[in-house]
Protein backbone atom coordinates (compact mmCIF):
# COMPACT_ATOMS: atom_id res chain seq x y z
CA MET A 1 44.00 -43.56 -55.89
CA GLU A 2 44.83 -43.88 -52.19
CA ASN A 3 44.82 -47.38 -50.74
CA ILE A 4 42.02 -48.47 -48.40
CA SER A 5 43.52 -48.53 -44.91
CA ILE A 6 42.51 -51.56 -42.85
CA ALA A 7 42.77 -52.62 -39.20
CA ILE A 8 42.31 -56.24 -38.12
CA THR A 9 41.18 -57.15 -34.61
CA ASP A 10 40.79 -60.76 -33.49
CA ASP A 11 41.98 -62.67 -30.41
CA ASP A 12 43.09 -65.54 -32.67
CA ALA A 13 46.66 -64.59 -33.59
CA LEU A 14 46.73 -67.04 -36.49
CA ILE A 15 43.67 -65.47 -38.13
CA VAL A 16 45.17 -61.99 -37.71
CA SER A 17 48.44 -63.13 -39.28
CA LEU A 18 46.77 -64.91 -42.20
CA LEU A 19 44.40 -62.04 -42.93
CA GLN A 20 47.17 -59.48 -42.69
CA GLY A 21 49.38 -61.44 -45.07
CA TYR A 22 46.59 -61.96 -47.59
CA LEU A 23 45.16 -58.44 -47.56
CA GLN A 24 48.51 -56.70 -47.59
CA ASN A 25 49.21 -58.35 -50.94
CA ARG A 26 45.94 -57.22 -52.52
CA GLU A 27 46.06 -54.20 -54.77
CA GLY A 28 44.61 -51.04 -53.25
CA ILE A 29 44.58 -52.32 -49.65
CA ASP A 30 46.95 -51.38 -46.85
CA VAL A 31 46.84 -53.03 -43.41
CA VAL A 32 47.85 -50.21 -41.05
CA LEU A 33 47.03 -51.80 -37.69
CA THR A 34 46.46 -55.20 -36.08
CA ALA A 35 45.26 -55.97 -32.57
CA GLY A 36 44.62 -59.10 -30.52
CA SER A 37 41.80 -57.62 -28.46
CA GLY A 38 39.31 -54.79 -28.37
CA GLU A 39 41.28 -53.08 -25.62
CA GLU A 40 44.48 -53.24 -27.68
CA LEU A 41 42.70 -51.76 -30.69
CA ILE A 42 41.23 -48.87 -28.70
CA ALA A 43 44.59 -48.14 -27.07
CA SER A 44 46.37 -48.22 -30.45
CA LEU A 45 44.08 -45.89 -32.41
CA PRO A 46 45.15 -42.59 -30.77
CA LEU A 47 48.79 -43.53 -31.40
CA ALA A 48 48.37 -44.69 -34.99
CA ALA A 49 50.30 -42.84 -37.67
CA LYS A 50 47.29 -43.38 -39.93
CA LEU A 51 43.77 -44.25 -38.85
CA PRO A 52 42.11 -47.18 -40.59
CA GLN A 53 39.16 -46.45 -42.82
CA ILE A 54 37.75 -49.93 -42.19
CA ILE A 55 38.13 -52.27 -39.20
CA LEU A 56 37.72 -56.02 -39.58
CA LEU A 57 36.45 -57.06 -36.18
CA ASP A 58 35.72 -60.34 -34.43
CA LEU A 59 32.48 -60.49 -32.44
CA LYS A 60 33.38 -62.70 -29.47
CA MET A 61 36.76 -61.89 -27.95
CA THR A 62 38.36 -62.10 -24.53
CA GLY A 63 37.65 -58.85 -22.71
CA MET A 64 35.67 -56.34 -24.76
CA ASP A 65 33.47 -58.02 -27.34
CA GLY A 66 32.87 -56.73 -30.85
CA ILE A 67 29.66 -54.92 -29.91
CA GLU A 68 31.38 -52.95 -27.15
CA VAL A 69 34.26 -52.12 -29.47
CA THR A 70 31.86 -50.98 -32.20
CA GLN A 71 30.00 -48.70 -29.80
CA HIS A 72 33.28 -47.12 -28.68
CA ILE A 73 34.51 -46.66 -32.25
CA LYS A 74 31.24 -45.09 -33.42
CA GLU A 75 31.26 -42.66 -30.51
CA ASN A 76 34.90 -41.64 -30.92
CA TYR A 77 35.73 -42.34 -34.59
CA PRO A 78 32.40 -42.12 -36.44
CA ASP A 79 34.01 -42.09 -39.90
CA ILE A 80 35.63 -45.50 -39.43
CA LYS A 81 33.55 -48.30 -40.97
CA ILE A 82 33.34 -51.65 -39.22
CA ILE A 83 32.99 -55.07 -40.82
CA VAL A 84 32.27 -57.78 -38.25
CA VAL A 85 33.55 -61.20 -39.33
CA SER A 86 32.44 -63.79 -36.81
CA SER A 87 32.09 -67.52 -36.24
CA HIS A 88 28.98 -66.52 -34.23
CA TYR A 89 27.28 -65.13 -37.34
CA GLN A 90 23.50 -65.46 -37.32
CA ARG A 91 21.09 -63.58 -39.55
CA MET A 92 18.82 -62.86 -36.59
CA PHE A 93 21.50 -60.49 -35.25
CA MET A 94 21.53 -58.41 -38.44
CA GLY A 95 19.14 -55.67 -37.37
CA PHE A 96 20.88 -55.19 -34.04
CA MET A 97 24.30 -55.07 -35.66
CA LEU A 98 23.18 -52.38 -38.09
CA LYS A 99 21.67 -50.29 -35.30
CA THR A 100 25.00 -50.59 -33.47
CA GLY A 101 26.73 -49.08 -36.49
CA VAL A 102 28.25 -52.09 -38.24
CA SER A 103 28.60 -51.63 -42.02
CA ALA A 104 28.68 -55.36 -42.81
CA PHE A 105 28.18 -58.57 -40.84
CA LEU A 106 29.83 -61.69 -42.26
CA PRO A 107 30.50 -65.32 -41.29
CA LYS A 108 34.13 -66.30 -40.70
CA GLY A 109 33.82 -68.94 -43.40
CA ILE A 110 33.66 -66.26 -46.08
CA SER A 111 36.23 -66.64 -48.83
CA PRO A 112 39.16 -64.19 -48.81
CA VAL A 113 38.34 -63.16 -52.38
CA GLU A 114 34.76 -62.27 -51.43
CA LEU A 115 35.99 -60.45 -48.33
CA VAL A 116 38.18 -58.20 -50.47
CA ASP A 117 35.20 -57.43 -52.73
CA ILE A 118 33.08 -56.54 -49.68
CA ILE A 119 35.83 -54.32 -48.25
CA ARG A 120 35.85 -52.35 -51.49
CA ILE A 121 32.03 -52.11 -51.55
CA VAL A 122 31.88 -50.89 -47.95
CA HIS A 123 34.62 -48.35 -48.63
CA LYS A 124 32.72 -46.98 -51.64
CA GLN A 125 29.09 -47.32 -50.55
CA GLY A 126 29.24 -47.39 -46.74
CA TYR A 127 27.44 -50.70 -46.23
CA TYR A 128 26.98 -54.20 -47.61
CA PHE A 129 23.86 -56.37 -47.44
CA LYS A 130 23.47 -59.92 -48.69
CA ASP A 131 20.08 -60.85 -50.11
CA ASP A 132 19.21 -63.11 -47.16
CA GLN A 133 20.17 -60.31 -44.78
CA LEU A 134 17.75 -57.95 -46.53
CA ALA A 135 14.97 -60.48 -45.95
CA THR A 136 15.88 -60.65 -42.26
CA ILE A 137 15.93 -56.86 -41.95
CA ARG A 138 12.45 -56.73 -43.44
CA GLU A 139 11.23 -59.30 -40.89
CA GLN A 140 12.76 -57.34 -38.01
CA ILE A 141 11.18 -54.02 -38.95
CA PRO A 142 7.97 -53.47 -36.96
CA THR A 143 4.87 -53.95 -39.11
CA LYS A 144 3.37 -50.81 -37.57
CA ALA A 145 6.33 -48.56 -38.34
CA PRO A 146 4.82 -45.09 -38.87
CA LYS A 147 4.77 -43.47 -42.28
CA PRO A 148 6.53 -40.11 -42.31
CA MET A 149 4.52 -36.90 -42.24
CA LEU A 150 6.69 -35.30 -44.87
CA GLN A 151 4.99 -31.93 -44.74
CA GLU A 152 5.87 -31.35 -41.08
CA GLU A 153 8.60 -28.83 -40.33
CA GLY A 154 11.97 -30.39 -39.60
CA LEU A 155 11.36 -33.54 -41.61
CA LEU A 156 12.73 -34.38 -45.01
CA SER A 157 12.16 -32.21 -48.06
CA ASP A 158 11.24 -33.71 -51.42
CA ARG A 159 14.81 -33.20 -52.65
CA GLU A 160 16.27 -34.83 -49.54
CA ILE A 161 13.98 -37.82 -50.11
CA ASP A 162 15.21 -38.05 -53.70
CA VAL A 163 18.82 -38.03 -52.47
CA LEU A 164 18.06 -40.57 -49.75
CA ARG A 165 16.47 -42.98 -52.20
CA LEU A 166 19.52 -42.76 -54.47
CA ILE A 167 21.89 -43.26 -51.53
CA CYS A 168 19.96 -46.44 -50.69
CA GLN A 169 20.49 -47.54 -54.30
CA GLN A 170 24.26 -47.20 -53.76
CA LYS A 171 24.73 -44.16 -55.96
CA THR A 172 27.80 -42.00 -55.32
CA ALA A 173 27.56 -38.26 -54.67
CA LYS A 174 28.70 -37.59 -58.23
CA GLU A 175 26.14 -40.01 -59.69
CA ILE A 176 23.37 -38.47 -57.56
CA GLY A 177 24.36 -34.99 -58.69
CA ASP A 178 24.31 -36.03 -62.34
CA MET A 179 20.91 -37.73 -61.98
CA LEU A 180 19.29 -34.81 -60.11
CA PHE A 181 21.10 -32.06 -62.07
CA ILE A 182 22.76 -30.64 -58.96
CA THR A 183 26.41 -30.22 -58.03
CA GLN A 184 28.31 -32.80 -56.03
CA ARG A 185 28.74 -30.19 -53.29
CA THR A 186 24.96 -29.69 -53.12
CA THR A 187 24.52 -33.47 -52.92
CA GLU A 188 26.93 -33.63 -49.98
CA GLY A 189 24.96 -30.83 -48.33
CA HIS A 190 21.72 -32.80 -48.67
CA LYS A 191 23.49 -35.88 -47.28
CA ASN A 192 24.66 -33.90 -44.23
CA ASN A 193 21.10 -32.65 -43.71
CA LEU A 194 19.87 -36.24 -43.86
CA PHE A 195 22.28 -37.28 -41.12
CA ALA A 196 21.21 -34.32 -38.97
CA LYS A 197 17.46 -34.80 -39.47
CA THR A 198 17.32 -38.59 -39.17
CA GLY A 199 19.88 -39.00 -36.41
CA ALA A 200 21.67 -41.64 -38.49
CA LYS A 201 25.42 -41.90 -37.93
CA ASN A 202 26.33 -43.66 -41.17
CA ILE A 203 24.95 -44.76 -44.54
CA ALA A 204 23.59 -48.00 -43.06
CA GLY A 205 21.59 -45.90 -40.60
CA LEU A 206 20.12 -43.86 -43.44
CA VAL A 207 19.09 -47.07 -45.21
CA ILE A 208 17.36 -48.39 -42.07
CA TYR A 209 15.60 -45.03 -41.64
CA ALA A 210 14.40 -45.10 -45.24
CA ILE A 211 13.03 -48.63 -44.88
CA GLN A 212 11.34 -47.95 -41.54
CA HIS A 213 9.67 -44.81 -42.86
CA GLU A 214 8.61 -46.48 -46.12
CA ILE A 215 10.70 -44.13 -48.25
CA ILE A 216 12.11 -47.17 -49.99
CA LYS A 217 11.10 -50.84 -49.96
CA VAL A 218 13.56 -53.61 -49.14
CA GLU A 219 12.86 -55.04 -52.60
CA GLU A 220 14.19 -51.84 -54.19
CA LEU A 221 17.60 -52.12 -52.52
CA PRO A 222 20.32 -53.44 -54.82
CA VAL A 223 21.40 -57.01 -54.15
CA ILE A 224 25.14 -57.59 -54.31
């Protein structure tokens, strides 16, 4: 199986060096790029021999901050997943970070072992929520969020809703296909339709859409 390619961006050179040394020695992970600022990261990506699949990104940096970098990455490299690891971590920022396109939002005090586990989860599932973050997301969703009129043209079909619910439960395309008795290719087709119809840019966006439109309850999401 191909290694997970990682980029590390932080204006603290010591943190970059320590993370690079630790992750590079973990099985299945390959650090392909490091940068000391958002500007350096953005300048390096077009020249990279291999694009990272996941970027570990600081939030507060000299020059471009992590939010600006995330917005640029999501506009220009939508398939790259971003894990923000910040000393400015606060749960109240969780909803905003997800809307920006972040796949996981973590405190800098996280253990390296847990970080590796989260990298693998984000690579496989597209997002990572801690249980306290789920509670915060629920609090930040408007209480008057409209229920979907599922019979209206252009909205989700019953099968697409089935697929969306299983995506929110962290099922892979193969697992979804097996559970719904459809091919993996058909599952991917439904997933692409979900992105087009909901306007979501990543799996985290689909999860937020499903919660806001009461397709799935926060309590039904798996807790890691």
